[in-house]
Amino acid sequence: MPLNLPEGKKIAVNIGADFDAHAVWMGTFDKTSPSYLSRGEYCATVGVPRLLDLFERYDIQGTWCTPVHTMETFPDAFARIVEAGQEVAAHGCYHESVPSLDRDTEIRLMEQTIEGHLKHVGKAPRGYRSPAWDFTEHTLELLEKTGFEWDSSLMGHDFQPYHPRPVDVRWEEGSVFGPPSPLLEFPVSWYLDDFPVGEYIPGVNPGLGSSEVMFQRFQDHFDFAYQRETDPVLAITLHPQTAARAHHLLGLERLLDHMASHEGVWFASLSDIYDTWTED
């Protein structure tokens, strides 16, 4: 297999912490009332410290996907992530709705995103996670041209990294795939995301779901991958404003205890996992 995990490791687990703060409410849901912004403030002031403490206790090297707007709005919270040695990946400028962008705007915002990383992290990001996990027809090409090595936004597999292909959609005949991208895709899934289950948005998302059911689903994915896949990657997506709530945090600790009890589990950043990839 192209993925060569470190000796003694059987599965790579990435905990992706999407530090969206205000940006998700502004960019994805177009909501800027004090109530929604206060939920973003909770993300920075309560959620980040709690997750960083959890990562330290379980020796987790995660990937913090962070919009530049968050870096600018909550610099102290963001500095704690960088100082903790956690990986920071690109996650847009203000959690913009990528599919609605024209080509010029997408290019401009991608340039601002990279500039924000150079300013606040001190280096360009190696990886990208699209806000709300969607692309335009130009996104893949833009990521390639701007020097990204990996993406984690698409859903063409569940446990195995792959090279995504552009698709020419044809309505009255079969769609046509282009050549594989040099970017490596770490697939994601709404099943492995805490936001849809946890976040109540009136008229948009019912949220308020069972944390027990959600973490059992996460655990089932882990058990399947551990037992039935070769060198799998399990990419779990958390949001500090969601996962750090008391009931979710307790469920998350139980999940981590379960995973850590298995021999050969590697809690790693996506870039560290990427570095174990060799082409056939």
Protein backbone atom coordinates (compact mmCIF):
# COMPACT_ATOMS: atom_id res chain seq x y z
CA MET A 1 0.00 0.00 0.00
CA PRO A 2 1.20 3.58 -0.71
CA LEU A 3 0.68 4.58 2.94
CA ASN A 4 3.55 3.31 5.08
CA LEU A 5 2.69 3.89 8.72
CA PRO A 6 5.51 4.00 11.27
CA GLU A 7 6.73 0.66 12.55
CA GLY A 8 4.29 -0.85 15.00
CA LYS A 9 1.39 1.37 13.91
CA LYS A 10 -1.75 -0.14 12.45
CA ILE A 11 -4.05 2.84 12.01
CA ALA A 12 -3.61 6.61 11.73
CA VAL A 13 -6.21 8.72 13.51
CA ASN A 14 -6.42 12.40 12.75
CA ILE A 15 -8.44 14.69 14.98
CA GLY A 16 -9.23 17.73 12.90
CA ALA A 17 -10.27 20.71 15.01
CA ASP A 18 -12.01 23.28 12.82
CA PHE A 19 -11.45 26.53 14.74
CA ASP A 20 -14.21 28.48 12.98
CA ALA A 21 -15.22 30.91 15.77
CA HIS A 22 -17.21 33.80 14.24
CA ALA A 23 -16.38 32.83 10.68
CA VAL A 24 -18.68 29.84 10.30
CA TRP A 25 -21.69 31.90 11.35
CA MET A 26 -20.74 34.79 9.08
CA GLY A 27 -19.43 32.97 6.04
CA THR A 28 -21.57 29.85 5.80
CA PHE A 29 -24.81 30.89 7.50
CA ASP A 30 -24.75 34.70 6.99
CA LYS A 31 -25.56 35.26 10.67
CA THR A 32 -23.94 38.09 12.59
CA SER A 33 -26.31 38.66 15.50
CA PRO A 34 -24.78 38.87 18.99
CA SER A 35 -26.19 35.45 19.85
CA TYR A 36 -24.42 33.65 17.01
CA LEU A 37 -21.21 35.60 17.48
CA SER A 38 -21.21 34.69 21.16
CA ARG A 39 -21.18 31.02 20.14
CA GLY A 40 -18.06 31.79 18.12
CA GLU A 41 -16.56 33.53 21.15
CA TYR A 42 -17.23 30.41 23.23
CA CYS A 43 -15.31 28.48 20.59
CA ALA A 44 -12.20 30.57 21.23
CA THR A 45 -12.38 31.25 24.95
CA VAL A 46 -13.72 27.91 26.22
CA GLY A 47 -13.46 25.40 23.40
CA VAL A 48 -9.84 25.90 22.39
CA PRO A 49 -8.35 25.61 25.90
CA ARG A 50 -10.41 22.51 26.64
CA LEU A 51 -9.43 20.75 23.42
CA LEU A 52 -5.78 21.70 23.78
CA ASP A 53 -5.80 20.27 27.29
CA LEU A 54 -7.41 17.09 25.95
CA PHE A 55 -4.85 16.81 23.15
CA GLU A 56 -2.03 17.17 25.65
CA ARG A 57 -3.44 14.55 28.00
CA TYR A 58 -3.86 12.00 25.21
CA ASP A 59 -0.67 12.99 23.34
CA ILE A 60 -2.60 13.92 20.20
CA GLN A 61 -0.97 15.74 17.32
CA GLY A 62 -4.00 17.13 15.52
CA THR A 63 -4.72 19.39 12.58
CA TRP A 64 -6.37 22.72 13.39
CA CYS A 65 -8.16 23.97 10.29
CA THR A 66 -8.47 27.70 10.91
CA PRO A 67 -9.88 30.55 8.81
CA VAL A 68 -7.72 33.67 8.67
CA HIS A 69 -10.64 35.64 10.13
CA THR A 70 -10.29 33.55 13.30
CA MET A 71 -6.55 34.19 13.49
CA GLU A 72 -7.22 37.93 13.31
CA THR A 73 -10.20 38.00 15.67
CA PHE A 74 -8.86 35.71 18.41
CA PRO A 75 -5.07 36.03 18.21
CA ASP A 76 -4.40 34.87 21.78
CA ALA A 77 -6.40 31.66 21.42
CA PHE A 78 -4.80 30.99 18.07
CA ALA A 79 -1.31 31.64 19.43
CA ARG A 80 -1.90 28.93 22.03
CA ILE A 81 -2.50 26.42 19.24
CA VAL A 82 0.70 27.38 17.45
CA GLU A 83 2.70 27.40 20.69
CA ALA A 84 1.40 23.91 21.48
CA GLY A 85 3.02 22.66 18.28
CA GLN A 86 -0.25 21.69 16.66
CA GLU A 87 -0.51 21.68 12.88
CA VAL A 88 -2.50 24.52 11.31
CA ALA A 89 -4.16 23.90 7.95
CA ALA A 90 -5.87 26.33 5.60
CA HIS A 91 -9.61 26.68 6.05
CA GLY A 92 -10.48 29.68 3.96
CA CYS A 93 -10.41 33.38 4.64
CA TYR A 94 -13.75 33.86 6.48
CA HIS A 95 -15.33 30.39 6.06
CA GLU A 96 -16.62 31.58 2.71
CA SER A 97 -19.17 29.64 0.71
CA VAL A 98 -16.72 28.29 -1.85
CA PRO A 99 -19.24 27.02 -4.47
CA SER A 100 -20.68 30.53 -4.77
CA LEU A 101 -17.33 32.15 -5.64
CA ASP A 102 -16.35 33.22 -9.14
CA ARG A 103 -12.85 32.32 -10.25
CA ASP A 104 -11.27 35.72 -9.57
CA THR A 105 -12.76 35.94 -6.07
CA GLU A 106 -11.66 32.41 -5.23
CA ILE A 107 -8.11 33.21 -6.33
CA ARG A 108 -8.06 36.45 -4.32
CA LEU A 109 -9.35 34.76 -1.15
CA MET A 110 -6.89 31.89 -1.54
CA GLU A 111 -4.05 34.40 -1.79
CA GLN A 112 -5.30 36.16 1.36
CA THR A 113 -5.51 32.80 3.11
CA ILE A 114 -1.89 31.96 2.36
CA GLU A 115 -0.77 35.47 3.34
CA GLY A 116 -2.62 35.06 6.64
CA HIS A 117 -0.73 31.86 7.38
CA LEU A 118 2.59 33.50 6.60
CA LYS A 119 1.71 36.33 8.98
CA HIS A 120 0.22 34.37 11.89
CA VAL A 121 1.86 30.94 11.60
CA GLY A 122 5.14 31.92 9.99
CA LYS A 123 4.87 29.51 7.08
CA ALA A 124 2.57 28.54 4.25
CA PRO A 125 0.02 25.80 4.92
CA ARG A 126 0.71 22.35 3.52
CA GLY A 127 -2.92 21.27 3.53
CA TYR A 128 -6.39 22.66 2.89
CA ARG A 129 -9.88 21.90 4.16
CA SER A 130 -12.63 23.69 2.32
CA PRO A 131 -15.16 25.55 4.46
CA ALA A 132 -18.27 23.32 4.50
CA TRP A 133 -16.41 20.75 2.36
CA ASP A 134 -17.19 21.90 -1.15
CA PHE A 135 -15.31 23.01 -4.26
CA THR A 136 -15.86 24.98 -7.40
CA GLU A 137 -14.74 23.54 -10.72
CA HIS A 138 -11.52 25.55 -10.27
CA THR A 139 -10.60 24.71 -6.65
CA LEU A 140 -8.56 21.59 -7.28
CA GLU A 141 -6.47 23.30 -9.96
CA LEU A 142 -6.00 26.35 -7.72
CA LEU A 143 -4.75 24.20 -4.84
CA GLU A 144 -2.24 22.54 -7.15
CA LYS A 145 -0.95 25.86 -8.50
CA THR A 146 -0.56 27.43 -5.05
CA GLY A 147 1.60 24.61 -3.72
CA PHE A 148 -0.69 22.60 -1.46
CA GLU A 149 0.31 18.99 -0.86
CA TRP A 150 -2.95 17.58 0.47
CA ASP A 151 -6.64 18.31 0.78
CA SER A 152 -9.25 17.03 3.23
CA SER A 153 -12.62 18.10 1.86
CA LEU A 154 -13.89 15.33 -0.42
CA MET A 155 -15.63 12.03 0.16
CA GLY A 156 -14.51 9.57 -2.53
CA HIS A 157 -13.37 7.00 0.04
CA ASP A 158 -13.72 6.56 3.78
CA PHE A 159 -10.42 5.21 5.15
CA GLN A 160 -7.92 5.30 2.30
CA PRO A 161 -6.20 8.44 0.95
CA TYR A 162 -6.46 8.89 -2.81
CA HIS A 163 -5.72 11.31 -5.65
CA PRO A 164 -8.91 13.20 -6.55
CA ARG A 165 -9.89 13.71 -10.17
CA PRO A 166 -11.75 16.63 -11.76
CA VAL A 167 -15.14 15.69 -13.16
CA ASP A 168 -16.72 16.90 -16.37
CA VAL A 169 -20.44 16.56 -15.54
CA ARG A 170 -22.54 15.48 -18.50
CA TRP A 171 -26.25 15.29 -17.92
CA GLU A 172 -27.43 13.03 -20.75
CA GLU A 173 -24.40 10.75 -20.82
CA GLY A 174 -21.85 9.53 -18.32
CA SER A 175 -19.67 12.07 -16.54
CA VAL A 176 -16.00 12.05 -17.54
CA PHE A 177 -13.10 12.04 -15.07
CA GLY A 178 -9.91 13.97 -15.71
CA PRO A 179 -6.42 12.84 -14.70
CA PRO A 180 -5.67 12.27 -10.99
CA SER A 181 -4.42 15.32 -9.12
CA PRO A 182 -0.96 15.26 -7.57
CA LEU A 183 -2.67 16.36 -4.34
CA LEU A 184 -3.38 13.63 -1.84
CA GLU A 185 -6.95 13.54 -0.56
CA PHE A 186 -7.69 12.58 3.05
CA PRO A 187 -11.40 11.86 2.80
CA VAL A 188 -13.93 13.24 5.26
CA SER A 189 -17.54 12.36 6.06
CA TRP A 190 -20.52 14.11 7.59
CA TYR A 191 -20.90 10.95 9.66
CA LEU A 192 -17.58 11.82 11.33
CA ASP A 193 -18.38 15.48 12.07
CA ASP A 194 -19.78 16.79 15.35
CA PHE A 195 -21.34 19.98 13.93
CA PRO A 196 -24.49 18.56 12.24
CA VAL A 197 -25.37 16.57 15.36
CA GLY A 198 -24.54 19.20 17.93
CA GLU A 199 -25.32 22.67 16.60
CA TYR A 200 -28.90 23.94 16.69
CA ILE A 201 -29.61 26.50 13.96
CA PRO A 202 -33.31 27.43 13.80
CA GLY A 203 -34.79 26.60 10.43
CA VAL A 204 -31.48 25.26 9.13
CA ASN A 205 -30.15 22.42 11.27
CA PRO A 206 -32.07 20.70 14.09
CA GLY A 207 -28.89 19.81 15.99
CA LEU A 208 -29.22 18.89 19.67
CA GLY A 209 -28.63 15.24 18.78
CA SER A 210 -27.46 12.47 21.06
CA SER A 211 -23.76 12.63 21.83
CA GLU A 212 -23.90 8.96 22.77
CA VAL A 213 -25.19 8.01 19.33
CA MET A 214 -22.66 10.28 17.62
CA PHE A 215 -19.63 8.91 19.44
CA GLN A 216 -20.84 5.33 18.98
CA ARG A 217 -20.90 6.06 15.25
CA PHE A 218 -17.34 7.40 15.46
CA GLN A 219 -16.31 4.30 17.40
CA ASP A 220 -17.93 1.98 14.86
CA HIS A 221 -15.93 3.65 12.10
CA PHE A 222 -12.75 3.17 14.10
CA ASP A 223 -13.52 -0.49 14.84
CA PHE A 224 -14.29 -1.25 11.20
CA ALA A 225 -11.13 0.46 9.95
CA TYR A 226 -8.96 -1.16 12.62
CA GLN A 227 -10.29 -4.65 11.94
CA ARG A 228 -10.85 -4.67 8.18
CA GLU A 229 -8.63 -2.08 6.47
CA THR A 230 -4.89 -2.05 5.76
CA ASP A 231 -3.06 1.06 6.97
CA PRO A 232 -6.26 3.11 7.22
CA VAL A 233 -6.66 6.79 8.06
CA LEU A 234 -9.59 7.79 10.24
CA ALA A 235 -10.24 11.53 9.88
CA ILE A 236 -12.58 12.87 12.57
CA THR A 237 -13.74 16.49 12.41
CA LEU A 238 -14.47 18.37 15.62
CA HIS A 239 -15.34 22.00 16.31
CA PRO A 240 -14.19 23.56 19.60
CA GLN A 241 -17.54 25.28 20.03
CA THR A 242 -19.25 21.88 19.76
CA ALA A 243 -16.89 19.19 21.05
CA ALA A 244 -15.93 21.18 24.15
CA ARG A 245 -19.48 21.23 25.51
CA ALA A 246 -19.59 19.19 28.71
CA HIS A 247 -21.61 16.23 27.42
CA HIS A 248 -19.64 16.03 24.17
CA LEU A 249 -16.29 16.31 25.93
CA LEU A 250 -17.08 13.40 28.22
CA GLY A 251 -18.14 11.32 25.22
CA LEU A 252 -15.00 12.29 23.36
CA GLU A 253 -12.84 11.19 26.28
CA ARG A 254 -14.56 7.79 26.27
CA LEU A 255 -13.93 7.48 22.53
CA LEU A 256 -10.26 8.37 22.92
CA ASP A 257 -9.93 5.86 25.75
CA HIS A 258 -11.38 3.20 23.47
CA MET A 259 -9.07 4.01 20.57
CA ALA A 260 -5.97 4.39 22.75
CA SER A 261 -6.60 0.95 24.27
CA HIS A 262 -5.87 -0.66 20.91
CA GLU A 263 -2.30 -1.53 19.97
CA GLY A 264 -0.79 0.38 17.06
CA VAL A 265 -2.97 3.53 17.08
CA TRP A 266 -1.16 6.63 15.83
CA PHE A 267 -2.76 10.02 16.62
CA ALA A 268 -1.13 12.18 13.97
CA SER A 269 -1.48 15.38 11.98
CA LEU A 270 -2.50 15.06 8.36
CA SER A 271 0.88 16.36 7.21
CA ASP A 272 2.69 13.74 9.30
CA ILE A 273 0.48 11.09 7.72
CA TYR A 274 1.11 12.60 4.29
CA ASP A 275 4.86 12.19 4.87
CA THR A 276 4.41 8.42 5.09
CA TRP A 277 2.87 8.27 1.60
CA THR A 278 4.85 6.75 -1.25
CA GLU A 279 3.48 6.21 -4.73
CA ASP A 280 3.12 2.69 -6.08
